[in-house]
Structures are given as C-alpha cells and as structure tokens.
C-alpha cells in the first residue's frame, strides 16, 4: 500500500513477537496492534482485545498448513490429528479459536 515508512515513523512500540504485543495491550501500553488474528481468541487475551479484520485486498487470508515431518516418531498419530483437523469437528474447533476456513469470512 506504500505506507510502510509512514507507519514505522508513527509507531510508538515495535515488538519482535506477538506475545509482547499482546502483553502491551493487556497492560494498557497500546491501544491498537497488528497481530495474528487467533491470538485475540486466547482466553487470557480475549477480555482485552477486539478483532478488526483487514480487508482481503490489504491482507489476503492465508491457509494454516499442517505438515508431517519425515523424522516424526508418531506418524500415525500425526496423520490422525491432521485428518481430524480437516474434518467438520476439527474445523469448528479452529473457528472457535479465531482461525478462518473456506466457509468463514472475516467480520
């Protein structure tokens, strides 16, 4: 959008990770932040945050990918977990915690 320099010049607080951003919000040290959507649904963050989704032209929703590592010691358990998350119940759990799927649109 060509706003990077203006945003950086106007930023009061920069953080290397989402936990620090969430902590700043909870302590009242910040009024607004750009962070991972799902972190606002964590029980310890939810009372302090409201989600305002950016439009898809500004921030295209990205897929959450699960991968099976070749060196995994529990490949069968990992495959079952991956299959569960892809099903209706698993997708409902992910939606509950702030993740989007192809049936959910940001509000």
PDB file of N, CA and C in Angstrom:
ATOM      1  N   UNK A   1       0.823  -1.197   0.000  1.00  0.00           N
ATOM      2  CA  UNK A   1       0.000   0.000   0.000  1.00  0.00           C
ATOM      3  C   UNK A   1       0.866   1.260   0.000  1.00  0.00           C
ATOM      4  N   UNK A   2       2.174   1.095   0.141  1.00  0.00           N
ATOM      5  CA  UNK A   2       3.056   2.253   0.138  1.00  0.00           C
ATOM      6  C   UNK A   2       3.037   3.040   1.437  1.00  0.00           C
ATOM      7  N   UNK A   3       2.614   2.428   2.542  1.00  0.00           N
ATOM      8  CA  UNK A   3       2.510   3.129   3.815  1.00  0.00           C
ATOM      9  C   UNK A   3       3.584   2.738   4.829  1.00  0.00           C
ATOM     10  N   UNK A   4       4.452   1.850   4.447  1.00  0.00           N
ATOM     11  CA  UNK A   4       5.420   1.305   5.413  1.00  0.00           C
ATOM     12  C   UNK A   4       6.191   2.386   6.154  1.00  0.00           C
ATOM     13  N   UNK A   5       6.796   3.305   5.436  1.00  0.00           N
ATOM     14  CA  UNK A   5       7.612   4.354   6.071  1.00  0.00           C
ATOM     15  C   UNK A   5       6.782   5.200   7.024  1.00  0.00           C
ATOM     16  N   UNK A   6       5.559   5.572   6.619  1.00  0.00           N
ATOM     17  CA  UNK A   6       4.700   6.374   7.496  1.00  0.00           C
ATOM     18  C   UNK A   6       4.330   5.604   8.755  1.00  0.00           C
ATOM     19  N   UNK A   7       4.050   4.337   8.605  1.00  0.00           N
ATOM     20  CA  UNK A   7       3.683   3.514   9.753  1.00  0.00           C
ATOM     21  C   UNK A   7       4.862   3.400  10.705  1.00  0.00           C
ATOM     22  N   UNK A   8       6.036   3.102  10.190  1.00  0.00           N
ATOM     23  CA  UNK A   8       7.222   2.963  11.031  1.00  0.00           C
ATOM     24  C   UNK A   8       7.522   4.275  11.754  1.00  0.00           C
ATOM     25  N   UNK A   9       7.414   5.395  11.052  1.00  0.00           N
ATOM     26  CA  UNK A   9       7.670   6.698  11.676  1.00  0.00           C
ATOM     27  C   UNK A   9       6.652   7.008  12.770  1.00  0.00           C
ATOM     28  N   UNK A  10       5.438   6.518  12.625  1.00  0.00           N
ATOM     29  CA  UNK A  10       4.372   6.806  13.585  1.00  0.00           C
ATOM     30  C   UNK A  10       4.267   5.776  14.700  1.00  0.00           C
ATOM     31  N   UNK A  11       4.913   4.630  14.538  1.00  0.00           N
ATOM     32  CA  UNK A  11       4.814   3.571  15.542  1.00  0.00           C
ATOM     33  C   UNK A  11       5.448   4.017  16.851  1.00  0.00           C
ATOM     34  N   UNK A  12       4.766   3.720  17.929  1.00  0.00           N
ATOM     35  CA  UNK A  12       5.264   4.042  19.252  1.00  0.00           C
ATOM     36  C   UNK A  12       5.982   2.844  19.860  1.00  0.00           C
ATOM     37  N   UNK A  13       5.586   1.647  19.429  1.00  0.00           N
ATOM     38  CA  UNK A  13       6.084   0.419  20.034  1.00  0.00           C
ATOM     39  C   UNK A  13       6.228  -0.631  18.946  1.00  0.00           C
ATOM     40  N   UNK A  14       7.393  -1.211  18.824  1.00  0.00           N
ATOM     41  CA  UNK A  14       7.614  -2.325  17.914  1.00  0.00           C
ATOM     42  C   UNK A  14       8.026  -3.525  18.748  1.00  0.00           C
ATOM     43  N   UNK A  15       7.591  -4.691  18.345  1.00  0.00           N
ATOM     44  CA  UNK A  15       7.860  -5.897  19.119  1.00  0.00           C
ATOM     45  C   UNK A  15       8.341  -7.009  18.207  1.00  0.00           C
ATOM     46  N   UNK A  16       9.211  -7.876  18.729  1.00  0.00           N
ATOM     47  CA  UNK A  16       9.707  -8.978  17.914  1.00  0.00           C
ATOM     48  C   UNK A  16       8.740 -10.170  17.837  1.00  0.00           C
ATOM     49  N   UNK A  17       7.682 -10.173  18.667  1.00  0.00           N
ATOM     50  CA  UNK A  17       6.775 -11.316  18.653  1.00  0.00           C
ATOM     51  C   UNK A  17       5.369 -10.920  19.114  1.00  0.00           C
ATOM     52  N   UNK A  18       4.415 -11.797  18.836  1.00  0.00           N
ATOM     53  CA  UNK A  18       3.028 -11.492  19.166  1.00  0.00           C
ATOM     54  C   UNK A  18       2.783 -11.482  20.670  1.00  0.00           C
ATOM     55  N   UNK A  19       3.520 -12.264  21.433  1.00  0.00           N
ATOM     56  CA  UNK A  19       3.329 -12.272  22.887  1.00  0.00           C
ATOM     57  C   UNK A  19       3.600 -10.901  23.492  1.00  0.00           C
ATOM     58  N   UNK A  20       4.629 -10.244  23.008  1.00  0.00           N
ATOM     59  CA  UNK A  20       4.951  -8.903  23.515  1.00  0.00           C
ATOM     60  C   UNK A  20       3.863  -7.900  23.139  1.00  0.00           C
ATOM     61  N   UNK A  21       3.321  -8.034  21.939  1.00  0.00           N
ATOM     62  CA  UNK A  21       2.223  -7.155  21.529  1.00  0.00           C
ATOM     63  C   UNK A  21       1.004  -7.382  22.411  1.00  0.00           C
ATOM     64  N   UNK A  22       0.668  -8.640  22.645  1.00  0.00           N
ATOM     65  CA  UNK A  22      -0.483  -8.963  23.492  1.00  0.00           C
ATOM     66  C   UNK A  22      -0.271  -8.429  24.906  1.00  0.00           C
ATOM     67  N   UNK A  23       0.924  -8.573  25.438  1.00  0.00           N
ATOM     68  CA  UNK A  23       1.225  -8.082  26.782  1.00  0.00           C
ATOM     69  C   UNK A  23       1.056  -6.565  26.855  1.00  0.00           C
ATOM     70  N   UNK A  24       1.494  -5.857  25.825  1.00  0.00           N
ATOM     71  CA  UNK A  24       1.350  -4.395  25.804  1.00  0.00           C
ATOM     72  C   UNK A  24      -0.122  -3.998  25.823  1.00  0.00           C
ATOM     73  N   UNK A  25      -0.954  -4.724  25.103  1.00  0.00           N
ATOM     74  CA  UNK A  25      -2.391  -4.430  25.107  1.00  0.00           C
ATOM     75  C   UNK A  25      -2.981  -4.681  26.492  1.00  0.00           C
ATOM     76  N   UNK A  26      -2.624  -5.801  27.099  1.00  0.00           N
ATOM     77  CA  UNK A  26      -3.183  -6.151  28.403  1.00  0.00           C
ATOM     78  C   UNK A  26      -2.738  -5.189  29.501  1.00  0.00           C
ATOM     79  N   UNK A  27      -1.548  -4.627  29.381  1.00  0.00           N
ATOM     80  CA  UNK A  27      -1.041  -3.675  30.367  1.00  0.00           C
ATOM     81  C   UNK A  27      -1.535  -2.259  30.101  1.00  0.00           C
ATOM     82  N   UNK A  28      -2.245  -2.057  28.996  1.00  0.00           N
ATOM     83  CA  UNK A  28      -2.717  -0.723  28.651  1.00  0.00           C
ATOM     84  C   UNK A  28      -1.642   0.152  28.043  1.00  0.00           C
ATOM     85  N   UNK A  29      -0.558  -0.464  27.574  1.00  0.00           N
ATOM     86  CA  UNK A  29       0.539   0.282  26.961  1.00  0.00           C
ATOM     87  C   UNK A  29       0.316   0.516  25.471  1.00  0.00           C
ATOM     88  N   UNK A  30      -0.721  -0.101  24.909  1.00  0.00           N
ATOM     89  CA  UNK A  30      -1.032   0.048  23.490  1.00  0.00           C
ATOM     90  C   UNK A  30      -2.551   0.110  23.328  1.00  0.00           C
ATOM     91  N   UNK A  31      -2.989   0.830  22.313  1.00  0.00           N
ATOM     92  CA  UNK A  31      -4.406   0.950  22.013  1.00  0.00           C
ATOM     93  C   UNK A  31      -4.815   0.128  20.802  1.00  0.00           C
ATOM     94  N   UNK A  32      -3.846  -0.158  19.943  1.00  0.00           N
ATOM     95  CA  UNK A  32      -4.119  -0.891  18.712  1.00  0.00           C
ATOM     96  C   UNK A  32      -2.853  -1.636  18.312  1.00  0.00           C
ATOM     97  N   UNK A  33      -3.034  -2.768  17.668  1.00  0.00           N
ATOM     98  CA  UNK A  33      -1.874  -3.524  17.198  1.00  0.00           C
ATOM     99  C   UNK A  33      -2.269  -4.311  15.961  1.00  0.00           C
ATOM    100  N   UNK A  34      -1.276  -4.692  15.222  1.00  0.00           N
ATOM    101  CA  UNK A  34      -1.431  -5.579  14.085  1.00  0.00           C
ATOM    102  C   UNK A  34      -0.776  -6.885  14.481  1.00  0.00           C
ATOM    103  N   UNK A  35      -1.586  -7.942  14.593  1.00  0.00           N
ATOM    104  CA  UNK A  35      -1.092  -9.190  15.154  1.00  0.00           C
ATOM    105  C   UNK A  35      -1.835 -10.348  14.497  1.00  0.00           C
ATOM    106  N   UNK A  36      -1.432 -11.560  14.837  1.00  0.00           N
ATOM    107  CA  UNK A  36      -2.129 -12.739  14.352  1.00  0.00           C
ATOM    108  C   UNK A  36      -3.556 -12.720  14.896  1.00  0.00           C
ATOM    109  N   UNK A  37      -4.534 -12.942  14.057  1.00  0.00           N
ATOM    110  CA  UNK A  37      -5.945 -12.883  14.428  1.00  0.00           C
ATOM    111  C   UNK A  37      -6.278 -13.798  15.599  1.00  0.00           C
ATOM    112  N   UNK A  38      -5.823 -15.027  15.545  1.00  0.00           N
ATOM    113  CA  UNK A  38      -6.212 -16.031  16.531  1.00  0.00           C
ATOM    114  C   UNK A  38      -5.759 -15.682  17.946  1.00  0.00           C
ATOM    115  N   UNK A  39      -4.703 -14.870  18.106  1.00  0.00           N
ATOM    116  CA  UNK A  39      -4.237 -14.577  19.459  1.00  0.00           C
ATOM    117  C   UNK A  39      -5.277 -13.806  20.264  1.00  0.00           C
ATOM    118  N   UNK A  40      -6.175 -13.102  19.608  1.00  0.00           N
ATOM    119  CA  UNK A  40      -7.224 -12.365  20.316  1.00  0.00           C
ATOM    120  C   UNK A  40      -8.283 -13.297  20.891  1.00  0.00           C
ATOM    121  N   UNK A  41      -8.291 -14.557  20.468  1.00  0.00           N
ATOM    122  CA  UNK A  41      -9.267 -15.534  20.955  1.00  0.00           C
ATOM    123  C   UNK A  41      -8.726 -16.352  22.117  1.00  0.00           C
ATOM    124  N   UNK A  42      -7.449 -16.230  22.428  1.00  0.00           N
ATOM    125  CA  UNK A  42      -6.889 -16.946  23.571  1.00  0.00           C
ATOM    126  C   UNK A  42      -7.591 -16.453  24.832  1.00  0.00           C
ATOM    127  N   UNK A  43      -7.959 -17.348  25.749  1.00  0.00           N
ATOM    128  CA  UNK A  43      -8.715 -16.930  26.934  1.00  0.00           C
ATOM    129  C   UNK A  43      -8.075 -15.803  27.741  1.00  0.00           C
ATOM    130  N   UNK A  44      -6.752 -15.781  27.846  1.00  0.00           N
ATOM    131  CA  UNK A  44      -6.110 -14.727  28.633  1.00  0.00           C
ATOM    132  C   UNK A  44      -6.001 -13.402  27.874  1.00  0.00           C
ATOM    133  N   UNK A  45      -6.236 -13.408  26.563  1.00  0.00           N
ATOM    134  CA  UNK A  45      -6.190 -12.177  25.768  1.00  0.00           C
ATOM    135  C   UNK A  45      -7.583 -11.629  25.451  1.00  0.00           C
ATOM    136  N   UNK A  46      -8.557 -12.504  25.288  1.00  0.00           N
ATOM    137  CA  UNK A  46      -9.883 -12.123  24.799  1.00  0.00           C
ATOM    138  C   UNK A  46     -10.526 -10.952  25.548  1.00  0.00           C
ATOM    139  N   UNK A  47     -10.414 -10.865  26.880  1.00  0.00           N
ATOM    140  CA  UNK A  47     -11.061  -9.735  27.564  1.00  0.00           C
ATOM    141  C   UNK A  47     -10.463  -8.370  27.215  1.00  0.00           C
ATOM    142  N   UNK A  48      -9.283  -8.356  26.632  1.00  0.00           N
ATOM    143  CA  UNK A  48      -8.576  -7.110  26.363  1.00  0.00           C
ATOM    144  C   UNK A  48      -8.594  -6.692  24.899  1.00  0.00           C
ATOM    145  N   UNK A  49      -9.134  -7.525  24.031  1.00  0.00           N
ATOM    146  CA  UNK A  49      -8.979  -7.284  22.602  1.00  0.00           C
ATOM    147  C   UNK A  49     -10.270  -7.491  21.827  1.00  0.00           C
ATOM    148  N   UNK A  50     -10.429  -6.673  20.811  1.00  0.00           N
ATOM    149  CA  UNK A  50     -11.469  -6.851  19.813  1.00  0.00           C
ATOM    150  C   UNK A  50     -10.771  -7.056  18.480  1.00  0.00           C
ATOM    151  N   UNK A  51     -11.302  -7.913  17.649  1.00  0.00           N
ATOM    152  CA  UNK A  51     -10.712  -8.177  16.342  1.00  0.00           C
ATOM    153  C   UNK A  51     -11.352  -7.274  15.300  1.00  0.00           C
ATOM    154  N   UNK A  52     -10.523  -6.603  14.548  1.00  0.00           N
ATOM    155  CA  UNK A  52     -10.956  -5.851  13.375  1.00  0.00           C
ATOM    156  C   UNK A  52     -10.148  -6.426  12.217  1.00  0.00           C
ATOM    157  N   UNK A  53     -10.817  -7.197  11.382  1.00  0.00           N
ATOM    158  CA  UNK A  53     -10.117  -7.838  10.272  1.00  0.00           C
ATOM    159  C   UNK A  53      -9.813  -6.840   9.165  1.00  0.00           C
ATOM    160  N   UNK A  54      -8.626  -6.953   8.613  1.00  0.00           N
ATOM    161  CA  UNK A  54      -8.282  -6.170   7.433  1.00  0.00           C
ATOM    162  C   UNK A  54      -8.977  -6.785   6.232  1.00  0.00           C
ATOM    163  N   UNK A  55      -9.354  -5.970   5.295  1.00  0.00           N
ATOM    164  CA  UNK A  55      -9.979  -6.483   4.078  1.00  0.00           C
ATOM    165  C   UNK A  55      -9.008  -7.355   3.300  1.00  0.00           C
ATOM    166  N   UNK A  56      -9.530  -8.299   2.524  1.00  0.00           N
ATOM    167  CA  UNK A  56      -8.660  -9.215   1.792  1.00  0.00           C
ATOM    168  C   UNK A  56      -7.761  -8.533   0.756  1.00  0.00           C
ATOM    169  N   UNK A  57      -8.096  -7.318   0.345  1.00  0.00           N
ATOM    170  CA  UNK A  57      -7.209  -6.588  -0.568  1.00  0.00           C
ATOM    171  C   UNK A  57      -5.950  -6.110   0.168  1.00  0.00           C
ATOM    172  N   UNK A  58      -6.079  -5.863   1.462  1.00  0.00           N
ATOM    173  CA  UNK A  58      -4.931  -5.424   2.260  1.00  0.00           C
ATOM    174  C   UNK A  58      -4.145  -6.596   2.818  1.00  0.00           C
ATOM    175  N   UNK A  59      -4.863  -7.620   3.234  1.00  0.00           N
ATOM    176  CA  UNK A  59      -4.217  -8.782   3.856  1.00  0.00           C
ATOM    177  C   UNK A  59      -4.992 -10.028   3.465  1.00  0.00           C
ATOM    178  N   UNK A  60      -4.544 -10.681   2.435  1.00  0.00           N
ATOM    179  CA  UNK A  60      -5.219 -11.885   1.969  1.00  0.00           C
ATOM    180  C   UNK A  60      -5.118 -12.979   3.031  1.00  0.00           C
ATOM    181  N   UNK A  61      -6.264 -13.553   3.432  1.00  0.00           N
ATOM    182  CA  UNK A  61      -6.204 -14.656   4.406  1.00  0.00           C
ATOM    183  C   UNK A  61      -5.316 -15.787   3.891  1.00  0.00           C
ATOM    184  N   UNK A  62      -4.504 -16.315   4.776  1.00  0.00           N
ATOM    185  CA  UNK A  62      -3.569 -17.378   4.411  1.00  0.00           C
ATOM    186  C   UNK A  62      -3.995 -18.696   5.039  1.00  0.00           C
ATOM    187  N   UNK A  63      -3.756 -19.761   4.346  1.00  0.00           N
ATOM    188  CA  UNK A  63      -4.086 -21.088   4.852  1.00  0.00           C
ATOM    189  C   UNK A  63      -3.140 -21.482   5.982  1.00  0.00           C
ATOM    190  N   UNK A  64      -3.696 -22.149   6.970  1.00  0.00           N
ATOM    191  CA  UNK A  64      -2.887 -22.748   8.027  1.00  0.00           C
ATOM    192  C   UNK A  64      -2.536 -24.148   7.550  1.00  0.00           C
ATOM    193  N   UNK A  65      -1.261 -24.411   7.419  1.00  0.00           N
ATOM    194  CA  UNK A  65      -0.821 -25.691   6.876  1.00  0.00           C
ATOM    195  C   UNK A  65      -0.271 -26.585   7.976  1.00  0.00           C
ATOM    196  N   UNK A  66      -0.671 -27.840   7.952  1.00  0.00           N
ATOM    197  CA  UNK A  66      -0.119 -28.842   8.853  1.00  0.00           C
ATOM    198  C   UNK A  66       0.739 -29.777   8.011  1.00  0.00           C
ATOM    199  N   UNK A  67       1.918 -30.057   8.478  1.00  0.00           N
ATOM    200  CA  UNK A  67       2.847 -30.902   7.734  1.00  0.00           C
ATOM    201  C   UNK A  67       3.327 -32.060   8.605  1.00  0.00           C
ATOM    202  N   UNK A  68       3.510 -33.182   7.985  1.00  0.00           N
ATOM    203  CA  UNK A  68       4.063 -34.349   8.660  1.00  0.00           C
ATOM    204  C   UNK A  68       5.558 -34.380   8.379  1.00  0.00           C
ATOM    205  N   UNK A  69       6.344 -34.347   9.435  1.00  0.00           N
ATOM    206  CA  UNK A  69       7.794 -34.363   9.281  1.00  0.00           C
ATOM    207  C   UNK A  69       8.279 -35.778   8.972  1.00  0.00           C
ATOM    208  N   UNK A  70       9.252 -35.885   8.111  1.00  0.00           N
ATOM    209  CA  UNK A  70       9.760 -37.204   7.732  1.00  0.00           C
ATOM    210  C   UNK A  70      10.396 -37.929   8.909  1.00  0.00           C
ATOM    211  N   UNK A  71      10.890 -37.180   9.897  1.00  0.00           N
ATOM    212  CA  UNK A  71      11.538 -37.805  11.040  1.00  0.00           C
ATOM    213  C   UNK A  71      10.606 -37.943  12.254  1.00  0.00           C
ATOM    214  N   UNK A  72       9.302 -37.706  12.052  1.00  0.00           N
ATOM    215  CA  UNK A  72       8.342 -37.842  13.147  1.00  0.00           C
ATOM    216  C   UNK A  72       8.373 -39.260  13.721  1.00  0.00           C
ATOM    217  N   UNK A  73       8.318 -39.346  15.044  1.00  0.00           N
ATOM    218  CA  UNK A  73       8.316 -40.650  15.701  1.00  0.00           C
ATOM    219  C   UNK A  73       6.909 -41.212  15.848  1.00  0.00           C
ATOM    220  N   UNK A  74       5.894 -40.386  15.652  1.00  0.00           N
ATOM    221  CA  UNK A  74       4.498 -40.798  15.821  1.00  0.00           C
ATOM    222  C   UNK A  74       3.688 -40.443  14.576  1.00  0.00           C
ATOM    223  N   UNK A  75       4.101 -40.954  13.450  1.00  0.00           N
ATOM    224  CA  UNK A  75       3.471 -40.593  12.178  1.00  0.00           C
ATOM    225  C   UNK A  75       1.997 -40.940  12.144  1.00  0.00           C
ATOM    226  N   UNK A  76       1.610 -42.079  12.711  1.00  0.00           N
ATOM    227  CA  UNK A  76       0.206 -42.469  12.679  1.00  0.00           C
ATOM    228  C   UNK A  76      -0.649 -41.486  13.488  1.00  0.00           C
ATOM    229  N   UNK A  77      -0.175 -41.099  14.669  1.00  0.00           N
ATOM    230  CA  UNK A  77      -0.898 -40.129  15.497  1.00  0.00           C
ATOM    231  C   UNK A  77      -0.987 -38.796  14.769  1.00  0.00           C
ATOM    232  N   UNK A  78       0.101 -38.375  14.155  1.00  0.00           N
ATOM    233  CA  UNK A  78       0.115 -37.110  13.416  1.00  0.00           C
ATOM    234  C   UNK A  78      -0.874 -37.158  12.256  1.00  0.00           C
ATOM    235  N   UNK A  79      -0.905 -38.250  11.523  1.00  0.00           N
ATOM    236  CA  UNK A  79      -1.863 -38.377  10.407  1.00  0.00           C
ATOM    237  C   UNK A  79      -3.306 -38.332  10.898  1.00  0.00           C
ATOM    238  N   UNK A  80      -3.568 -38.989  12.024  1.00  0.00           N
ATOM    239  CA  UNK A  80      -4.935 -38.968  12.576  1.00  0.00           C
ATOM    240  C   UNK A  80      -5.316 -37.560  13.028  1.00  0.00           C
ATOM    241  N   UNK A  81      -4.373 -36.864  13.647  1.00  0.00           N
ATOM    242  CA  UNK A  81      -4.638 -35.484  14.050  1.00  0.00           C
ATOM    243  C   UNK A  81      -4.918 -34.609  12.835  1.00  0.00           C
ATOM    244  N   UNK A  82      -4.118 -34.758  11.802  1.00  0.00           N
ATOM    245  CA  UNK A  82      -4.314 -33.968  10.587  1.00  0.00           C
ATOM    246  C   UNK A  82      -5.674 -34.265   9.959  1.00  0.00           C
ATOM    247  N   UNK A  83      -6.070 -35.521   9.940  1.00  0.00           N
ATOM    248  CA  UNK A  83      -7.375 -35.889   9.388  1.00  0.00           C
ATOM    249  C   UNK A  83      -8.498 -35.296  10.246  1.00  0.00           C
ATOM    250  N   UNK A  84      -8.330 -35.337  11.565  1.00  0.00           N
ATOM    251  CA  UNK A  84      -9.329 -34.760  12.461  1.00  0.00           C
ATOM    252  C   UNK A  84      -9.484 -33.267  12.209  1.00  0.00           C
ATOM    253  N   UNK A  85      -8.374 -32.552  12.104  1.00  0.00           N
ATOM    254  CA  UNK A  85      -8.446 -31.103  11.907  1.00  0.00           C
ATOM    255  C   UNK A  85      -9.081 -30.729  10.579  1.00  0.00           C
ATOM    256  N   UNK A  86      -8.981 -31.595   9.595  1.00  0.00           N
ATOM    257  CA  UNK A  86      -9.572 -31.317   8.287  1.00  0.00           C
ATOM    258  C   UNK A  86     -11.069 -31.586   8.272  1.00  0.00           C
ATOM    259  N   UNK A  87     -11.576 -32.336   9.245  1.00  0.00           N
ATOM    260  CA  UNK A  87     -12.998 -32.673   9.298  1.00  0.00           C
ATOM    261  C   UNK A  87     -13.834 -31.568   9.919  1.00  0.00           C
ATOM    262  N   UNK A  88     -15.137 -31.764   9.937  1.00  0.00           N
ATOM    263  CA  UNK A  88     -16.064 -30.753  10.437  1.00  0.00           C
ATOM    264  C   UNK A  88     -15.798 -30.375  11.895  1.00  0.00           C
ATOM    265  N   UNK A  89     -15.589 -31.373  12.751  1.00  0.00           N
ATOM    266  CA  UNK A  89     -15.366 -31.083  14.174  1.00  0.00           C
ATOM    267  C   UNK A  89     -14.063 -30.315  14.379  1.00  0.00           C
ATOM    268  N   UNK A  90     -13.016 -30.748  13.708  1.00  0.00           N
ATOM    269  CA  UNK A  90     -11.736 -30.059  13.823  1.00  0.00           C
ATOM    270  C   UNK A  90     -11.816 -28.633  13.307  1.00  0.00           C
ATOM    271  N   UNK A  91     -12.494 -28.437  12.176  1.00  0.00           N
ATOM    272  CA  UNK A  91     -12.638 -27.091  11.620  1.00  0.00           C
ATOM    273  C   UNK A  91     -13.438 -26.197  12.570  1.00  0.00           C
ATOM    274  N   UNK A  92     -14.453 -26.756  13.234  1.00  0.00           N
ATOM    275  CA  UNK A  92     -15.237 -25.977  14.198  1.00  0.00           C
ATOM    276  C   UNK A  92     -14.364 -25.526  15.366  1.00  0.00           C
ATOM    277  N   UNK A  93     -13.477 -26.387  15.806  1.00  0.00           N
ATOM    278  CA  UNK A  93     -12.559 -26.030  16.896  1.00  0.00           C
ATOM    279  C   UNK A  93     -11.635 -24.899  16.451  1.00  0.00           C
ATOM    280  N   UNK A  94     -11.081 -25.014  15.258  1.00  0.00           N
ATOM    281  CA  UNK A  94     -10.200 -23.952  14.761  1.00  0.00           C
ATOM    282  C   UNK A  94     -10.961 -22.631  14.632  1.00  0.00           C
ATOM    283  N   UNK A  95     -12.200 -22.665  14.126  1.00  0.00           N
ATOM    284  CA  UNK A  95     -13.002 -21.438  14.017  1.00  0.00           C
ATOM    285  C   UNK A  95     -13.247 -20.829  15.395  1.00  0.00           C
ATOM    286  N   UNK A  96     -13.532 -21.676  16.393  1.00  0.00           N
ATOM    287  CA  UNK A  96     -13.781 -21.198  17.756  1.00  0.00           C
ATOM    288  C   UNK A  96     -12.593 -20.395  18.274  1.00  0.00           C
ATOM    289  N   UNK A  97     -11.398 -20.806  17.885  1.00  0.00           N
ATOM    290  CA  UNK A  97     -10.193 -20.145  18.374  1.00  0.00           C
ATOM    291  C   UNK A  97      -9.646 -19.103  17.408  1.00  0.00           C
ATOM    292  N   UNK A  98     -10.485 -18.620  16.490  1.00  0.00           N
ATOM    293  CA  UNK A  98     -10.126 -17.469  15.672  1.00  0.00           C
ATOM    294  C   UNK A  98      -9.503 -17.742  14.331  1.00  0.00           C
ATOM    295  N   UNK A  99      -9.356 -18.995  13.968  1.00  0.00           N
ATOM    296  CA  UNK A  99      -8.826 -19.319  12.652  1.00  0.00           C
ATOM    297  C   UNK A  99      -9.965 -19.338  11.641  1.00  0.00           C
ATOM    298  N   UNK A 100      -9.685 -18.958  10.434  1.00  0.00           N
ATOM    299  CA  UNK A 100     -10.685 -18.942   9.375  1.00  0.00           C
ATOM    300  C   UNK A 100     -10.535 -20.177   8.514  1.00  0.00           C
ATOM    301  N   UNK A 101     -11.634 -20.585   7.895  1.00  0.00           N
ATOM    302  CA  UNK A 101     -11.550 -21.642   6.892  1.00  0.00           C
ATOM    303  C   UNK A 101     -12.286 -21.152   5.657  1.00  0.00           C
ATOM    304  N   UNK A 102     -12.450 -22.016   4.684  1.00  0.00           N
ATOM    305  CA  UNK A 102     -13.060 -21.571   3.433  1.00  0.00           C
ATOM    306  C   UNK A 102     -14.554 -21.269   3.579  1.00  0.00           C
ATOM    307  N   UNK A 103     -15.153 -21.584   4.746  1.00  0.00           N
ATOM    308  CA  UNK A 103     -16.556 -21.275   4.976  1.00  0.00           C
ATOM    309  C   UNK A 103     -16.731 -20.036   5.847  1.00  0.00           C
ATOM    310  N   UNK A 104     -15.661 -19.508   6.376  1.00  0.00           N
ATOM    311  CA  UNK A 104     -15.727 -18.388   7.302  1.00  0.00           C
ATOM    312  C   UNK A 104     -15.171 -17.146   6.623  1.00  0.00           C
ATOM    313  N   UNK A 105     -15.863 -16.042   6.798  1.00  0.00           N
ATOM    314  CA  UNK A 105     -15.343 -14.774   6.278  1.00  0.00           C
ATOM    315  C   UNK A 105     -15.022 -13.870   7.452  1.00  0.00           C
ATOM    316  N   UNK A 106     -13.962 -13.082   7.341  1.00  0.00           N
ATOM    317  CA  UNK A 106     -13.630 -12.149   8.425  1.00  0.00           C
ATOM    318  C   UNK A 106     -14.778 -11.167   8.628  1.00  0.00           C
ATOM    319  N   UNK A 107     -14.966 -10.733   9.851  1.00  0.00           N
ATOM    320  CA  UNK A 107     -16.024  -9.733  10.136  1.00  0.00           C
ATOM    321  C   UNK A 107     -15.475  -8.345  10.176  1.00  0.00           C
TER     322      UNK A 107
END
